[in-house]
Amino acid sequence: MLAALVLINVEKGKVNETAESLLEIEGVAEVYSVTGEYDLVALLRLRRYEDLADVVTKRIVHLPAITKTNTLMAFQCFSREDLQQAWDIGIE
């Protein structure tokens, strides 16, 4: 499974409706409204690398209120669950 984060700027006053539209796109797992340089962060979970180009360049960037995106592809996932399992090895 491929994971990517898309950092998104949207037109003023369009954050909520854009977040809802993003969630309708297959492969978009979660959308967060955030503070700072970007307005939204979309978490993508995709089966194939080729799906990333399709979702970002054909679906996401064509939403009318989106003015800028920056896509980050994840190399590896670290989670608390993984860390806990590592510590539990050998404990019965």
N, C-alpha and C. Protein backbone atom coordinates (compact mmCIF):
# COMPACT_ATOMS: atom_id res chain seq x y z
N MET A 1 0.85 -1.18 0.00
CA MET A 1 0.00 0.00 0.00
C MET A 1 0.89 1.24 0.00
N LEU A 2 0.62 2.15 -0.88
CA LEU A 2 1.35 3.40 -1.02
C LEU A 2 0.62 4.49 -0.24
N ALA A 3 1.36 5.28 0.50
CA ALA A 3 0.77 6.41 1.23
C ALA A 3 1.41 7.70 0.74
N ALA A 4 0.61 8.74 0.66
CA ALA A 4 1.11 10.06 0.28
C ALA A 4 0.31 11.12 1.01
N LEU A 5 0.94 12.25 1.22
CA LEU A 5 0.28 13.41 1.81
C LEU A 5 0.24 14.51 0.76
N VAL A 6 -0.92 15.12 0.60
CA VAL A 6 -1.04 16.24 -0.33
C VAL A 6 -1.37 17.49 0.49
N LEU A 7 -0.45 18.45 0.45
CA LEU A 7 -0.64 19.72 1.13
C LEU A 7 -1.37 20.64 0.17
N ILE A 8 -2.44 21.27 0.62
CA ILE A 8 -3.35 21.95 -0.30
C ILE A 8 -3.69 23.36 0.17
N ASN A 9 -3.63 24.31 -0.75
CA ASN A 9 -4.15 25.66 -0.52
C ASN A 9 -5.45 25.80 -1.30
N VAL A 10 -6.43 26.44 -0.68
CA VAL A 10 -7.72 26.65 -1.34
C VAL A 10 -8.13 28.11 -1.24
N GLU A 11 -9.07 28.48 -2.07
CA GLU A 11 -9.60 29.84 -2.05
C GLU A 11 -10.24 30.13 -0.69
N LYS A 12 -10.18 31.37 -0.28
CA LYS A 12 -10.74 31.79 1.00
C LYS A 12 -12.22 31.41 1.09
N GLY A 13 -12.60 30.81 2.22
CA GLY A 13 -13.98 30.44 2.46
C GLY A 13 -14.40 29.13 1.83
N LYS A 14 -13.47 28.40 1.22
CA LYS A 14 -13.82 27.17 0.51
C LYS A 14 -13.22 25.92 1.16
N VAL A 15 -12.71 26.02 2.38
CA VAL A 15 -12.03 24.90 3.02
C VAL A 15 -12.98 23.72 3.25
N ASN A 16 -14.11 23.96 3.88
CA ASN A 16 -15.01 22.86 4.22
C ASN A 16 -15.55 22.14 2.98
N GLU A 17 -16.02 22.89 2.01
CA GLU A 17 -16.58 22.24 0.82
C GLU A 17 -15.50 21.52 0.01
N THR A 18 -14.28 22.05 0.02
CA THR A 18 -13.20 21.37 -0.69
C THR A 18 -12.82 20.09 0.03
N ALA A 19 -12.78 20.11 1.35
CA ALA A 19 -12.48 18.90 2.12
C ALA A 19 -13.52 17.82 1.83
N GLU A 20 -14.78 18.18 1.78
CA GLU A 20 -15.83 17.22 1.48
C GLU A 20 -15.68 16.66 0.06
N SER A 21 -15.32 17.50 -0.89
CA SER A 21 -15.12 17.04 -2.27
C SER A 21 -13.92 16.10 -2.36
N LEU A 22 -12.87 16.38 -1.61
CA LEU A 22 -11.70 15.51 -1.61
C LEU A 22 -12.04 14.11 -1.11
N LEU A 23 -12.88 14.04 -0.10
CA LEU A 23 -13.25 12.74 0.48
C LEU A 23 -14.06 11.88 -0.49
N GLU A 24 -14.62 12.48 -1.52
CA GLU A 24 -15.37 11.73 -2.53
C GLU A 24 -14.45 11.05 -3.55
N ILE A 25 -13.16 11.41 -3.54
CA ILE A 25 -12.19 10.86 -4.49
C ILE A 25 -11.65 9.54 -3.95
N GLU A 26 -11.75 8.49 -4.75
CA GLU A 26 -11.22 7.19 -4.34
C GLU A 26 -9.71 7.30 -4.13
N GLY A 27 -9.26 6.80 -2.99
CA GLY A 27 -7.85 6.87 -2.64
C GLY A 27 -7.56 7.93 -1.58
N VAL A 28 -8.47 8.88 -1.41
CA VAL A 28 -8.31 9.88 -0.35
C VAL A 28 -8.91 9.28 0.92
N ALA A 29 -8.03 8.96 1.88
CA ALA A 29 -8.47 8.29 3.10
C ALA A 29 -8.96 9.27 4.16
N GLU A 30 -8.25 10.39 4.30
CA GLU A 30 -8.59 11.37 5.33
C GLU A 30 -8.20 12.76 4.83
N VAL A 31 -8.89 13.77 5.34
CA VAL A 31 -8.56 15.17 5.04
C VAL A 31 -8.57 15.94 6.34
N TYR A 32 -7.52 16.72 6.56
CA TYR A 32 -7.39 17.54 7.77
C TYR A 32 -7.33 19.01 7.39
N SER A 33 -8.06 19.85 8.13
CA SER A 33 -7.84 21.28 8.02
C SER A 33 -6.71 21.61 9.00
N VAL A 34 -5.78 22.45 8.57
CA VAL A 34 -4.57 22.69 9.35
C VAL A 34 -4.24 24.18 9.40
N THR A 35 -3.37 24.53 10.34
CA THR A 35 -2.87 25.89 10.41
C THR A 35 -1.54 25.96 9.67
N GLY A 36 -1.12 27.16 9.39
CA GLY A 36 0.18 27.33 8.74
C GLY A 36 0.05 27.69 7.28
N GLU A 37 1.05 27.29 6.52
CA GLU A 37 1.14 27.67 5.11
C GLU A 37 0.04 27.06 4.25
N TYR A 38 -0.45 25.89 4.63
CA TYR A 38 -1.48 25.20 3.84
C TYR A 38 -2.80 25.20 4.58
N ASP A 39 -3.88 24.98 3.83
CA ASP A 39 -5.22 24.97 4.40
C ASP A 39 -5.70 23.55 4.73
N LEU A 40 -5.34 22.60 3.88
CA LEU A 40 -5.78 21.22 4.04
C LEU A 40 -4.61 20.27 3.81
N VAL A 41 -4.69 19.11 4.45
CA VAL A 41 -3.77 18.01 4.18
C VAL A 41 -4.62 16.78 3.90
N ALA A 42 -4.41 16.19 2.72
CA ALA A 42 -5.12 14.98 2.35
C ALA A 42 -4.18 13.79 2.48
N LEU A 43 -4.63 12.76 3.18
CA LEU A 43 -3.88 11.52 3.31
C LEU A 43 -4.41 10.55 2.26
N LEU A 44 -3.51 10.13 1.36
CA LEU A 44 -3.89 9.20 0.31
C LEU A 44 -3.38 7.81 0.66
N ARG A 45 -4.18 6.81 0.40
CA ARG A 45 -3.78 5.41 0.52
C ARG A 45 -4.14 4.74 -0.80
N LEU A 46 -3.10 4.33 -1.52
CA LEU A 46 -3.28 3.84 -2.88
C LEU A 46 -2.64 2.47 -3.06
N ARG A 47 -3.14 1.71 -3.98
CA ARG A 47 -2.60 0.36 -4.23
C ARG A 47 -1.37 0.37 -5.12
N ARG A 48 -1.34 1.29 -6.09
CA ARG A 48 -0.24 1.29 -7.06
C ARG A 48 0.33 2.70 -7.20
N TYR A 49 1.60 2.76 -7.53
CA TYR A 49 2.27 4.04 -7.75
C TYR A 49 1.54 4.84 -8.83
N GLU A 50 1.09 4.17 -9.88
CA GLU A 50 0.42 4.84 -10.99
C GLU A 50 -0.86 5.54 -10.54
N ASP A 51 -1.48 5.02 -9.49
CA ASP A 51 -2.70 5.64 -8.97
C ASP A 51 -2.42 7.03 -8.39
N LEU A 52 -1.21 7.25 -7.89
CA LEU A 52 -0.87 8.55 -7.31
C LEU A 52 -0.98 9.65 -8.35
N ALA A 53 -0.41 9.44 -9.51
CA ALA A 53 -0.49 10.44 -10.57
C ALA A 53 -1.93 10.70 -10.98
N ASP A 54 -2.71 9.65 -11.07
CA ASP A 54 -4.10 9.81 -11.47
C ASP A 54 -4.89 10.60 -10.45
N VAL A 55 -4.76 10.24 -9.18
CA VAL A 55 -5.53 10.92 -8.13
C VAL A 55 -5.12 12.38 -8.00
N VAL A 56 -3.83 12.64 -8.01
CA VAL A 56 -3.37 14.03 -7.79
C VAL A 56 -3.56 14.88 -9.04
N THR A 57 -3.06 14.44 -10.18
CA THR A 57 -3.06 15.32 -11.36
C THR A 57 -4.36 15.33 -12.15
N LYS A 58 -5.16 14.29 -12.01
CA LYS A 58 -6.42 14.26 -12.76
C LYS A 58 -7.64 14.55 -11.91
N ARG A 59 -7.54 14.33 -10.61
CA ARG A 59 -8.72 14.51 -9.76
C ARG A 59 -8.58 15.69 -8.80
N ILE A 60 -7.55 15.65 -7.95
CA ILE A 60 -7.41 16.67 -6.90
C ILE A 60 -7.19 18.06 -7.47
N VAL A 61 -6.21 18.22 -8.35
CA VAL A 61 -5.88 19.58 -8.82
C VAL A 61 -6.98 20.19 -9.68
N HIS A 62 -7.95 19.39 -10.11
CA HIS A 62 -9.03 19.93 -10.92
C HIS A 62 -10.23 20.40 -10.09
N LEU A 63 -10.16 20.23 -8.77
CA LEU A 63 -11.23 20.80 -7.95
C LEU A 63 -11.13 22.32 -8.04
N PRO A 64 -12.23 23.01 -8.28
CA PRO A 64 -12.17 24.43 -8.62
C PRO A 64 -11.57 25.36 -7.57
N ALA A 65 -11.69 25.07 -6.30
CA ALA A 65 -11.20 25.99 -5.26
C ALA A 65 -9.72 25.79 -4.93
N ILE A 66 -9.12 24.72 -5.43
CA ILE A 66 -7.72 24.45 -5.10
C ILE A 66 -6.81 25.36 -5.91
N THR A 67 -5.91 26.05 -5.21
CA THR A 67 -5.00 26.98 -5.86
C THR A 67 -3.56 26.48 -5.92
N LYS A 68 -3.19 25.54 -5.03
CA LYS A 68 -1.82 25.04 -5.00
C LYS A 68 -1.79 23.71 -4.25
N THR A 69 -0.92 22.80 -4.70
CA THR A 69 -0.71 21.56 -3.98
C THR A 69 0.78 21.26 -3.89
N ASN A 70 1.14 20.46 -2.91
CA ASN A 70 2.49 19.95 -2.75
C ASN A 70 2.34 18.51 -2.26
N THR A 71 2.83 17.55 -3.04
CA THR A 71 2.63 16.14 -2.73
C THR A 71 3.89 15.53 -2.13
N LEU A 72 3.71 14.83 -1.02
CA LEU A 72 4.80 14.13 -0.34
C LEU A 72 4.48 12.64 -0.35
N MET A 73 5.35 11.84 -0.96
CA MET A 73 5.15 10.40 -0.97
C MET A 73 5.88 9.80 0.22
N ALA A 74 5.21 8.93 0.96
CA ALA A 74 5.79 8.32 2.15
C ALA A 74 6.68 7.15 1.77
N PHE A 75 7.86 7.07 2.40
CA PHE A 75 8.75 5.93 2.22
C PHE A 75 8.43 4.82 3.20
N GLN A 76 8.16 5.21 4.46
CA GLN A 76 7.96 4.24 5.51
C GLN A 76 6.99 4.83 6.53
N CYS A 77 6.21 3.96 7.16
CA CYS A 77 5.25 4.39 8.16
C CYS A 77 5.73 3.96 9.55
N PHE A 78 5.74 4.89 10.47
CA PHE A 78 6.04 4.60 11.87
C PHE A 78 4.78 4.92 12.66
N SER A 79 4.38 3.99 13.53
CA SER A 79 3.18 4.23 14.34
C SER A 79 3.42 3.76 15.76
N ARG A 80 2.61 4.24 16.68
CA ARG A 80 2.70 3.80 18.07
C ARG A 80 2.44 2.31 18.19
N GLU A 81 1.51 1.81 17.38
CA GLU A 81 1.18 0.38 17.41
C GLU A 81 2.40 -0.45 17.03
N ASP A 82 3.13 -0.04 16.00
CA ASP A 82 4.35 -0.75 15.59
C ASP A 82 5.39 -0.72 16.70
N LEU A 83 5.54 0.43 17.33
CA LEU A 83 6.51 0.58 18.40
C LEU A 83 6.14 -0.31 19.59
N GLN A 84 4.87 -0.34 19.95
CA GLN A 84 4.43 -1.17 21.07
C GLN A 84 4.66 -2.64 20.78
N GLN A 85 4.37 -3.09 19.57
CA GLN A 85 4.59 -4.49 19.20
C GLN A 85 6.07 -4.84 19.30
N ALA A 86 6.94 -3.93 18.92
CA ALA A 86 8.38 -4.20 19.01
C ALA A 86 8.80 -4.40 20.46
N TRP A 87 8.24 -3.60 21.38
CA TRP A 87 8.58 -3.72 22.79
C TRP A 87 7.99 -4.98 23.42
N ASP A 88 6.87 -5.46 22.87
CA ASP A 88 6.20 -6.63 23.42
C ASP A 88 6.80 -7.96 22.96
N ILE A 89 7.72 -7.94 22.03
CA ILE A 89 8.32 -9.19 21.54
C ILE A 89 8.97 -9.93 22.71
N GLY A 90 8.60 -11.19 22.86
CA GLY A 90 9.18 -12.01 23.90
C GLY A 90 8.48 -11.93 25.24
N ILE A 91 7.53 -11.03 25.40
CA ILE A 91 6.79 -10.91 26.65
C ILE A 91 5.53 -11.76 26.55
N GLU A 92 5.32 -12.60 27.55
CA GLU A 92 4.13 -13.46 27.51
C GLU A 92 3.18 -13.13 28.62
